[in-house]
Protein backbone atom coordinates (compact mmCIF):
# COMPACT_ATOMS: atom_id res chain seq x y z
CA UNK A 1 41.58 2.07 16.90
CA UNK A 2 39.44 3.36 14.37
CA UNK A 3 38.89 6.91 14.13
CA UNK A 4 35.35 8.25 13.42
CA UNK A 5 35.35 10.88 10.63
CA UNK A 6 33.38 14.32 10.93
CA UNK A 7 30.70 15.74 9.27
CA UNK A 8 33.13 18.28 7.39
CA UNK A 9 35.79 15.46 6.71
CA UNK A 10 33.09 13.22 5.05
CA UNK A 11 31.57 16.14 2.90
CA UNK A 12 35.18 17.00 1.81
CA UNK A 13 36.52 13.72 0.85
CA UNK A 14 32.68 13.12 -1.14
CA UNK A 15 33.41 16.60 -3.02
CA UNK A 16 36.65 15.44 -3.92
CA UNK A 17 34.84 12.28 -5.49
CA UNK A 18 32.67 13.75 -7.30
CA UNK A 19 34.75 16.28 -8.44
CA UNK A 20 36.70 13.73 -9.50
CA UNK A 21 34.10 11.59 -11.30
CA UNK A 22 33.25 15.07 -13.12
CA UNK A 23 36.44 15.54 -14.17
CA UNK A 24 36.89 11.94 -15.60
CA UNK A 25 33.83 12.01 -17.09
CA UNK A 26 34.39 15.29 -18.96
CA UNK A 27 37.59 13.71 -20.57
CA UNK A 28 35.69 11.28 -22.11
CA UNK A 29 32.46 13.18 -22.75
CA UNK A 30 30.17 11.28 -20.42
CA UNK A 31 27.87 13.19 -17.88
CA UNK A 32 28.54 11.98 -14.41
CA UNK A 33 25.91 9.82 -12.88
CA UNK A 34 24.01 11.87 -10.18
CA UNK A 35 22.99 10.49 -6.91
CA UNK A 36 20.88 7.51 -7.36
CA UNK A 37 21.72 6.92 -10.58
CA UNK A 38 23.75 4.34 -12.49
CA UNK A 39 25.27 4.68 -16.20
CA UNK A 40 22.83 3.49 -18.91
CA UNK A 41 23.71 2.83 -23.13
CA UNK A 42 26.71 1.17 -23.69
CA UNK A 43 27.97 0.68 -20.02
CA UNK A 44 24.06 -0.64 -19.01
CA UNK A 45 24.06 -1.98 -15.90
CA UNK A 46 23.75 -5.64 -15.19
CA UNK A 47 21.78 -5.19 -11.69
CA UNK A 48 19.31 -2.27 -11.67
CA UNK A 49 18.91 -1.42 -7.71
CA UNK A 50 15.59 -0.31 -6.38
CA UNK A 51 14.82 0.69 -2.64
CA UNK A 52 11.67 -0.89 -0.63
CA UNK A 53 11.13 0.50 2.95
CA UNK A 54 8.46 -1.27 4.94
CA UNK A 55 7.78 -2.05 8.71
CA UNK A 56 9.59 -5.36 8.93
CA UNK A 57 9.66 -5.06 12.84
CA UNK A 58 7.30 -3.44 15.13
CA UNK A 59 3.57 -3.48 15.56
CA UNK A 60 2.77 -3.84 11.94
CA UNK A 61 5.41 -5.93 11.03
CA UNK A 62 3.36 -8.83 10.00
CA UNK A 63 2.00 -6.50 7.08
CA UNK A 64 5.37 -5.13 5.99
CA UNK A 65 6.48 -8.85 5.31
CA UNK A 66 3.44 -9.51 3.32
CA UNK A 67 4.55 -6.80 1.30
CA UNK A 68 7.78 -7.99 0.80
CA UNK A 69 6.73 -11.06 -0.24
CA UNK A 70 4.95 -9.51 -2.98
CA UNK A 71 7.64 -7.25 -3.80
CA UNK A 72 9.76 -10.58 -4.04
CA UNK A 73 7.08 -12.23 -5.90
CA UNK A 74 7.53 -9.20 -8.57
CA UNK A 75 11.20 -9.45 -8.71
CA UNK A 76 11.12 -13.11 -9.56
CA UNK A 77 8.43 -12.66 -12.24
CA UNK A 78 10.78 -10.01 -13.82
CA UNK A 79 13.85 -11.52 -13.74
CA UNK A 80 12.75 -14.76 -14.78
CA UNK A 81 10.52 -16.43 -17.43
CA UNK A 82 7.07 -16.81 -16.89
CA UNK A 83 4.49 -17.35 -19.44
CA UNK A 84 2.05 -14.27 -18.40
CA UNK A 85 0.29 -11.80 -20.48
CA UNK A 86 1.59 -9.23 -18.28
CA UNK A 87 4.67 -6.86 -18.59
CA UNK A 88 8.35 -8.24 -18.36
CA UNK A 89 6.98 -11.40 -17.89
CA UNK A 90 8.15 -13.43 -20.94
CA UNK A 91 11.83 -11.98 -20.80
CA UNK A 92 14.34 -12.16 -18.20
CA UNK A 93 15.15 -9.00 -16.57
CA UNK A 94 14.73 -5.58 -18.46
CA UNK A 95 15.24 -6.07 -22.16
CA UNK A 96 15.54 -2.58 -22.73
CA UNK A 97 18.66 -2.45 -20.56
CA UNK A 98 20.11 -5.77 -22.01
CA UNK A 99 18.52 -8.18 -19.73
CA UNK A 100 19.57 -6.07 -16.47
CA UNK A 101 17.82 -7.66 -13.34
CA UNK A 102 16.02 -5.98 -10.88
CA UNK A 103 17.59 -6.16 -6.66
CA UNK A 104 15.83 -4.44 -3.67
CA UNK A 105 18.03 -3.36 -0.73
CA UNK A 106 15.72 -3.20 2.10
CA UNK A 107 15.02 -0.92 4.54
CA UNK A 108 12.98 -1.34 7.89
CA UNK A 109 11.01 1.94 9.38
CA UNK A 110 9.29 0.24 12.25
CA UNK A 111 6.30 2.25 12.18
CA UNK A 112 8.43 5.29 12.79
CA UNK A 113 7.84 8.30 10.19
CA UNK A 114 11.63 9.83 11.11
CA UNK A 115 12.92 6.33 10.37
CA UNK A 116 11.33 5.96 7.33
CA UNK A 117 12.61 9.42 6.52
CA UNK A 118 16.51 8.45 7.66
CA UNK A 119 15.97 5.04 5.45
CA UNK A 120 14.70 6.89 2.52
CA UNK A 121 17.98 8.98 2.56
CA UNK A 122 20.40 5.94 3.27
CA UNK A 123 19.07 4.10 0.32
CA UNK A 124 19.61 6.97 -2.05
CA UNK A 125 22.90 8.48 -0.98
CA UNK A 126 24.25 4.95 0.17
CA UNK A 127 22.76 2.31 -1.69
CA UNK A 128 22.64 4.59 -4.91
CA UNK A 129 19.09 3.20 -5.45
CA UNK A 130 17.66 4.50 -8.51
CA UNK A 131 13.90 4.45 -6.94
CA UNK A 132 11.94 4.02 -3.81
CA UNK A 133 9.03 1.90 -2.94
CA UNK A 134 7.08 2.07 0.29
CA UNK A 135 6.00 2.71 3.28
CA UNK A 136 2.54 1.24 4.26
CA UNK A 137 1.80 3.89 6.95
CA UNK A 138 1.08 7.07 5.28
CA UNK A 139 2.97 8.86 7.95
CA UNK A 140 5.84 7.31 7.18
CA UNK A 141 5.29 7.52 3.28
CA UNK A 142 5.18 11.07 3.63
CA UNK A 143 8.52 11.46 5.43
CA UNK A 144 10.18 9.19 2.85
CA UNK A 145 9.01 10.48 -0.01
CA UNK A 146 9.67 13.76 1.08
CA UNK A 147 13.49 12.79 0.70
CA UNK A 148 12.94 11.29 -2.77
CA UNK A 149 11.11 14.63 -3.93
CA UNK A 150 14.13 16.97 -2.44
CA UNK A 151 17.07 14.45 -3.95
CA UNK A 152 15.29 13.83 -7.14
CA UNK A 153 14.62 10.22 -7.06
CA UNK A 154 11.02 8.74 -8.42
CA UNK A 155 8.75 6.95 -5.50
CA UNK A 156 5.89 4.49 -6.14
CA UNK A 157 3.46 3.89 -3.11
CA UNK A 158 1.63 0.36 -3.79
CA UNK A 159 -0.21 0.76 -0.41
CA UNK A 160 -0.60 3.97 1.49
CA UNK A 161 -4.06 5.45 1.13
CA UNK A 162 -4.07 8.76 2.63
CA UNK A 163 -5.55 11.44 -0.06
CA UNK A 164 -3.18 14.22 1.17
CA UNK A 165 0.12 12.32 -0.20
CA UNK A 166 -1.09 12.92 -3.90
CA UNK A 167 -2.10 16.66 -3.07
CA UNK A 168 1.21 17.69 -2.00
CA UNK A 169 2.41 18.80 -5.79
CA UNK A 170 5.26 16.70 -6.00
CA UNK A 171 6.57 15.48 -9.13
CA UNK A 172 8.53 12.29 -7.87
CA UNK A 173 5.74 10.53 -6.10
CA UNK A 174 3.57 8.07 -7.78
CA UNK A 175 0.80 6.19 -6.24
CA UNK A 176 -0.98 2.84 -7.86
CA UNK A 177 -3.15 2.21 -4.65
CA UNK A 178 -6.52 3.92 -4.29
CA UNK A 179 -6.55 5.93 -2.01
CA UNK A 180 -9.12 7.11 0.96
CA UNK A 181 -11.53 9.07 -1.10
CA UNK A 182 -11.91 6.10 -3.48
CA UNK A 183 -12.08 3.42 -0.61
CA UNK A 184 -14.32 5.38 1.71
CA UNK A 185 -17.24 5.93 -1.22
CA UNK A 186 -17.23 2.44 -1.94
CA UNK A 187 -18.43 1.94 1.72
CA UNK A 188 -21.00 4.22 1.52
CA UNK A 189 -21.97 3.00 -1.97
CA UNK A 190 -22.47 -0.17 -0.34
CA UNK A 191 -24.61 0.92 2.39
CA UNK A 192 -26.57 2.28 -0.36
CA UNK A 193 -27.19 -0.42 -2.10
CA UNK A 194 -28.21 -2.57 1.11
CA UNK A 195 -30.83 -0.47 1.94
CA UNK A 196 -31.82 -0.95 -1.69
CA UNK A 197 -31.66 -4.62 -2.19
CA UNK A 198 -31.80 -6.06 1.39
CA UNK A 199 -34.32 -2.94 3.26
CA UNK A 200 -31.12 -2.50 6.01
CA UNK A 201 -31.97 0.41 8.26
CA UNK A 202 -29.04 2.66 8.97
CA UNK A 203 -29.27 6.07 10.03
CA UNK A 204 -26.29 6.74 12.62
CA UNK A 205 -22.74 6.12 12.22
CA UNK A 206 -19.86 6.08 14.74
CA UNK A 207 -16.24 6.51 13.57
CA UNK A 208 -13.15 5.27 15.18
CA UNK A 209 -10.00 6.11 13.95
CA UNK A 210 -5.97 6.02 15.29
CA UNK A 211 -4.39 9.44 15.41
CA UNK A 212 -1.69 9.37 12.83
CA UNK A 213 -2.13 11.10 9.42
CA UNK A 214 -4.18 8.22 7.63
CA UNK A 215 -6.51 7.74 10.41
CA UNK A 216 -7.03 11.60 10.53
CA UNK A 217 -7.61 11.73 6.95
CA UNK A 218 -10.11 8.71 7.30
CA UNK A 219 -11.96 10.42 9.68
CA UNK A 220 -12.23 13.66 8.12
CA UNK A 221 -13.53 11.98 4.63
CA UNK A 222 -16.03 9.72 6.57
CA UNK A 223 -17.90 12.74 7.81
CA UNK A 224 -17.82 14.14 4.58
CA UNK A 225 -19.47 11.38 2.93
CA UNK A 226 -21.64 10.47 5.98
CA UNK A 227 -23.31 14.28 5.30
CA UNK A 228 -23.49 13.76 1.70
CA UNK A 229 -25.33 10.65 2.01
CA UNK A 230 -27.85 11.79 4.63
CA UNK A 231 -26.36 10.17 7.74
CA UNK A 232 -25.81 11.57 11.10
CA UNK A 233 -22.17 10.79 13.04
CA UNK A 234 -23.26 10.55 16.24
CA UNK A 235 -19.90 9.37 18.07
CA UNK A 236 -16.17 9.84 17.11
CA UNK A 237 -13.27 8.18 18.83
CA UNK A 238 -9.62 9.20 17.99
CA UNK A 239 -7.27 6.96 19.76
CA UNK A 240 -3.39 6.70 20.15
CA UNK A 241 -1.80 4.66 17.75
CA UNK A 242 -0.54 1.37 19.15
CA UNK A 243 -2.61 1.70 22.55
CA UNK A 244 -2.83 -0.59 25.20
CA UNK A 245 -6.08 -0.17 26.29
CA UNK A 246 -9.52 0.49 24.93
CA UNK A 247 -11.71 -0.54 27.42
CA UNK A 248 -13.16 3.80 27.67
CA UNK A 249 -13.62 4.39 24.05
CA UNK A 250 -15.71 0.93 23.42
CA UNK A 251 -17.52 2.42 26.61
CA UNK A 252 -18.25 5.54 24.54
CA UNK A 253 -19.23 3.92 21.32
CA UNK A 254 -21.75 1.81 23.57
CA UNK A 255 -23.27 4.65 25.27
CA UNK A 256 -24.08 6.45 21.75
CA UNK A 257 -25.32 3.44 20.34
CA UNK A 258 -24.86 4.10 16.51
CA UNK A 259 -26.40 1.98 14.16
CA UNK A 260 -22.78 0.92 12.32
CA UNK A 261 -19.13 1.64 13.13
CA UNK A 262 -16.44 2.78 10.50
CA UNK A 263 -13.18 1.78 11.74
CA UNK A 264 -9.71 2.82 10.71
CA UNK A 265 -7.14 0.62 13.06
CA UNK A 266 -3.78 -1.04 12.16
CA UNK A 267 -3.38 -4.73 13.13
CA UNK A 268 -2.86 -4.72 16.72
CA UNK A 269 -5.47 -1.86 17.54
CA UNK A 270 -7.86 -3.73 15.58
CA UNK A 271 -7.51 -7.04 17.44
CA UNK A 272 -7.19 -4.74 20.75
CA UNK A 273 -10.94 -3.23 19.65
CA UNK A 274 -12.48 -6.56 18.65
CA UNK A 275 -11.89 -8.24 21.81
CA UNK A 276 -12.84 -5.28 24.11
CA UNK A 277 -16.34 -5.15 21.82
CA UNK A 278 -16.37 -8.77 23.08
CA UNK A 279 -15.64 -8.15 26.83
CA UNK A 280 -17.75 -5.42 27.01
CA UNK A 281 -20.45 -7.26 25.04
CA UNK A 282 -20.88 -4.63 22.33
CA UNK A 283 -21.99 -5.22 18.62
CA UNK A 284 -23.70 -2.62 16.55
CA UNK A 285 -25.46 -3.62 13.24
CA UNK A 286 -22.27 -3.87 11.12
CA UNK A 287 -18.40 -2.88 11.72
CA UNK A 288 -17.24 -1.45 8.48
CA UNK A 289 -13.46 -1.41 8.70
CA UNK A 290 -10.81 0.78 6.44
CA UNK A 291 -8.60 -2.37 5.52
CA UNK A 292 -5.25 -1.83 7.33
CA UNK A 293 -5.17 -4.08 10.38
CA UNK A 294 -8.59 -5.75 9.22
CA UNK A 295 -7.02 -7.43 6.11
CA UNK A 296 -3.73 -8.25 7.85
CA UNK A 297 -3.56 -12.16 7.80
CA UNK A 298 -2.67 -12.16 11.57
CA UNK A 299 -5.97 -10.93 12.11
CA UNK A 300 -8.13 -13.90 11.41
CA UNK A 301 -5.35 -16.43 12.94
CA UNK A 302 -5.09 -14.80 16.00
CA UNK A 303 -9.04 -13.65 16.87
CA UNK A 304 -10.45 -16.59 15.07
CA UNK A 305 -14.32 -16.43 15.01
CA UNK A 306 -14.31 -13.49 17.13
CA UNK A 307 -13.06 -11.45 14.16
CA UNK A 308 -15.61 -12.60 12.23
CA UNK A 309 -18.32 -10.60 10.37
CA UNK A 310 -16.32 -7.42 9.52
CA UNK A 311 -16.71 -5.71 6.87
CA UNK A 312 -13.92 -4.00 5.13
CA UNK A 313 -12.66 -2.28 2.17
CA UNK A 314 -9.77 -4.20 0.29
CA UNK A 315 -8.24 -3.35 -2.76
CA UNK A 316 -8.21 -7.36 -3.99
CA UNK A 317 -9.39 -10.51 -3.28
CA UNK A 318 -8.59 -13.84 -3.71
CA UNK A 319 -12.14 -15.16 -4.65
CA UNK A 320 -12.77 -12.39 -7.50
CA UNK A 321 -9.62 -12.93 -8.68
CA UNK A 322 -10.70 -16.29 -10.17
CA UNK A 323 -12.55 -14.59 -12.24
CA UNK A 324 -9.45 -12.60 -14.08
CA UNK A 325 -7.38 -14.98 -15.76
CA UNK A 326 -4.07 -12.60 -14.86
CA UNK A 327 -4.73 -12.64 -11.23
CA UNK A 328 -5.54 -16.07 -11.54
CA UNK A 329 -2.23 -17.37 -13.01
CA UNK A 330 -0.49 -15.04 -10.57
CA UNK A 331 -1.77 -16.05 -7.40
CA UNK A 332 -1.42 -19.80 -8.33
CA UNK A 333 2.30 -18.83 -8.54
CA UNK A 334 2.61 -17.24 -5.36
CA UNK A 335 0.59 -20.39 -3.60
CA UNK A 336 3.04 -22.73 -4.86
CA UNK A 337 5.91 -20.64 -4.18
CA UNK A 338 4.67 -19.50 -0.41
CA UNK A 339 2.60 -22.06 0.57
CA UNK A 340 -0.39 -19.66 1.44
CA UNK A 341 -3.19 -17.73 -0.61
CA UNK A 342 -2.22 -14.45 -1.60
CA UNK A 343 -3.93 -11.62 -0.18
CA UNK A 344 -4.17 -7.93 -1.07
CA UNK A 345 -1.06 -6.55 0.65
CA UNK A 346 0.96 -9.18 -1.72
CA UNK A 347 -1.01 -8.35 -4.71
CA UNK A 348 -0.40 -4.76 -4.11
CA UNK A 349 3.12 -4.78 -3.45
CA UNK A 350 3.45 -7.00 -6.63
CA UNK A 351 1.47 -4.38 -8.82
CA UNK A 352 3.49 -1.49 -7.58
CA UNK A 353 6.79 -3.27 -8.04
CA UNK A 354 5.82 -4.15 -11.82
CA UNK A 355 4.59 -0.76 -12.61
CA UNK A 356 8.05 0.71 -11.69
CA UNK A 357 10.12 -1.77 -13.14
CA UNK A 358 8.10 -1.62 -16.42
CA UNK A 359 8.89 1.97 -16.40
CA UNK A 360 12.63 1.53 -15.67
CA UNK A 361 12.66 -0.82 -18.76
CA UNK A 362 10.46 1.77 -20.82
CA UNK A 363 12.97 4.55 -20.26
CA UNK A 364 15.83 2.56 -21.57
CA UNK A 365 17.69 4.08 -18.67
CA UNK A 366 18.60 4.43 -14.88
CA UNK A 367 18.74 8.29 -15.39
CA UNK A 368 15.95 9.40 -12.34
CA UNK A 369 14.49 11.72 -14.83
CA UNK A 370 14.34 9.69 -17.48
CA UNK A 371 12.40 7.13 -14.84
CA UNK A 372 10.04 9.86 -13.93
CA UNK A 373 9.19 10.65 -17.64
CA UNK A 374 8.42 7.03 -18.06
CA UNK A 375 6.26 6.97 -15.18
CA UNK A 376 4.32 9.88 -16.44
CA UNK A 377 3.84 8.28 -19.72
CA UNK A 378 2.44 4.76 -17.88
CA UNK A 379 -0.37 2.95 -19.89
CA UNK A 380 -1.04 -0.16 -18.73
CA UNK A 381 -4.26 -2.20 -19.61
CA UNK A 382 -6.61 -3.73 -17.11
CA UNK A 383 -5.82 -7.26 -18.32
CA UNK A 384 -2.26 -6.97 -17.93
CA UNK A 385 -2.54 -6.07 -14.29
CA UNK A 386 -3.64 -8.50 -11.60
CA UNK A 387 -5.75 -5.87 -9.32
CA UNK A 388 -9.40 -5.12 -10.23
CA UNK A 389 -8.99 -2.34 -12.47
CA UNK A 390 -9.21 -0.90 -16.05
CA UNK A 391 -4.96 -0.85 -15.84
CA UNK A 392 -2.74 1.88 -14.46
CA UNK A 393 -2.40 5.42 -15.47
CA UNK A 394 -1.32 8.26 -13.81
CA UNK A 395 -3.09 11.54 -13.12
CA UNK A 396 -1.17 14.43 -15.07
CA UNK A 397 -1.31 16.63 -11.96
CA UNK A 398 -1.37 14.30 -8.98
CA UNK A 399 0.54 11.40 -10.04
CA UNK A 400 -2.60 9.37 -8.73
CA UNK A 401 -3.66 5.93 -10.72
CA UNK A 402 -7.01 7.05 -11.94
CA UNK A 403 -7.96 3.51 -12.65
CA UNK A 404 -7.42 2.64 -8.91
CA UNK A 405 -10.50 1.19 -7.33
CA UNK A 406 -11.57 -1.11 -4.52
CA UNK A 407 -13.40 -4.12 -3.66
CA UNK A 408 -15.68 -4.72 -0.26
CA UNK A 409 -14.99 -7.93 1.66
CA UNK A 410 -16.72 -9.96 4.51
CA UNK A 411 -14.79 -12.17 7.18
CA UNK A 412 -16.97 -15.30 7.39
CA UNK A 413 -14.96 -18.11 8.80
CA UNK A 414 -11.41 -16.45 9.13
CA UNK A 415 -11.89 -16.41 5.43
CA UNK A 416 -12.23 -12.74 3.57
CA UNK A 417 -15.31 -13.00 0.97
CA UNK A 418 -16.11 -10.70 -1.72
CA UNK A 419 -19.59 -8.87 -1.41
CA UNK A 420 -19.55 -5.87 -3.32
CA UNK A 421 -19.63 -4.84 -6.26
CA UNK A 422 -22.71 -7.34 -6.50
CA UNK A 423 -21.16 -8.63 -9.63
CA UNK A 424 -17.86 -9.79 -8.37
CA UNK A 425 -19.46 -11.11 -4.86
CA UNK A 426 -18.93 -14.24 -4.27
CA UNK A 427 -21.32 -14.62 -1.38
CA UNK A 428 -24.16 -12.43 0.06
CA UNK A 429 -23.56 -10.15 3.06
CA UNK A 430 -24.49 -11.36 6.27
CA UNK A 431 -26.15 -8.70 8.05
CA UNK A 432 -26.60 -7.65 11.13
CA UNK A 433 -23.63 -8.99 12.47
CA UNK A 434 -24.80 -11.62 15.14
CA UNK A 435 -24.82 -10.51 18.58
CA UNK A 436 -21.70 -12.36 20.72
CA UNK A 437 -23.81 -14.84 22.63
CA UNK A 438 -25.08 -15.85 19.29
CA UNK A 439 -21.98 -16.89 17.85
């Protein structure tokens, strides 16, 4: 029968091991590797392990799997030779670390912030990863990045968007993705542009948001932008995430009758709301969504035509990518490998992984502080990233990518089309959205 060791026994054994390592390293003049660190220099590793924390099960599992696919695509491009004008594509592995290959230790938080926290601890202390990627839901990113900050391990967020994540003064947290302040302004800018070019009449707004960190931040920003742009918020509906019934919420919206809705919902909630809108025959002029569940491939797949005409912010779009050579080339590689089109989830995770790997390579080390310093100094030009950005460079105070921006899409016939900025648009906005009986 195997006896479980106590925490005290484990800590004692661990302390002894660290001590032995320190003595051995002192005798050879080599610094002892820290937690999450692997030796560099003459003993450069053959593999460099990073950790990725996504919701691979639970209500947002479909999104987590898309994000995982993006990481896997990036690792394939980095570890093998591709004729692409982007960092690390034309070499096998990390050239400054002797061709070391990137490997990934996966973790599933299932949408639970406390599990994301525990998984971050496991990846760093047991899997000994040199850096982390994660974690989609901003609430899960918040808890898991706190662990990385405490243990001194770089953390790159390719998709989480709550502005507060880069307002915490963290040294080890970096975000490549736009935050909700950037995205939220896009939705109000398209409203203004549509008023100017199409004569649309919008005066009142309804806000719908789930109640975790992300939805709460979106609600705050939407109210702020509404005031700045001169719109009146006539109803706010905050609901519990992953709810099972939204009849009363939709009845409140219908009674208030705002010109448009601005909605922040993850996948299962987005689908539930759209079904309830149809059931109660509620159709405002437009629904402007804060991406998330509305850009999940499961959304149009599940709803079919009932999911059409929603306007949503996004970080990337397949149609506008046709105008950018590097985006078009990578999207075609993904299509050949996956048998389906790339979406902004895959594109975002791909980009975050490449940015992290490029920093590790430039650091010429797997020592966490060296990687962190390399991330601080990142400056990748726009023609070498697949996103519709001018590049990747982190703000020296917040570690937010200063070049991150988004696009606005509309779903028509189950497909996503870029409708804003107008110079990237592949079709005009359908406004107002048709009533349910007219579809």
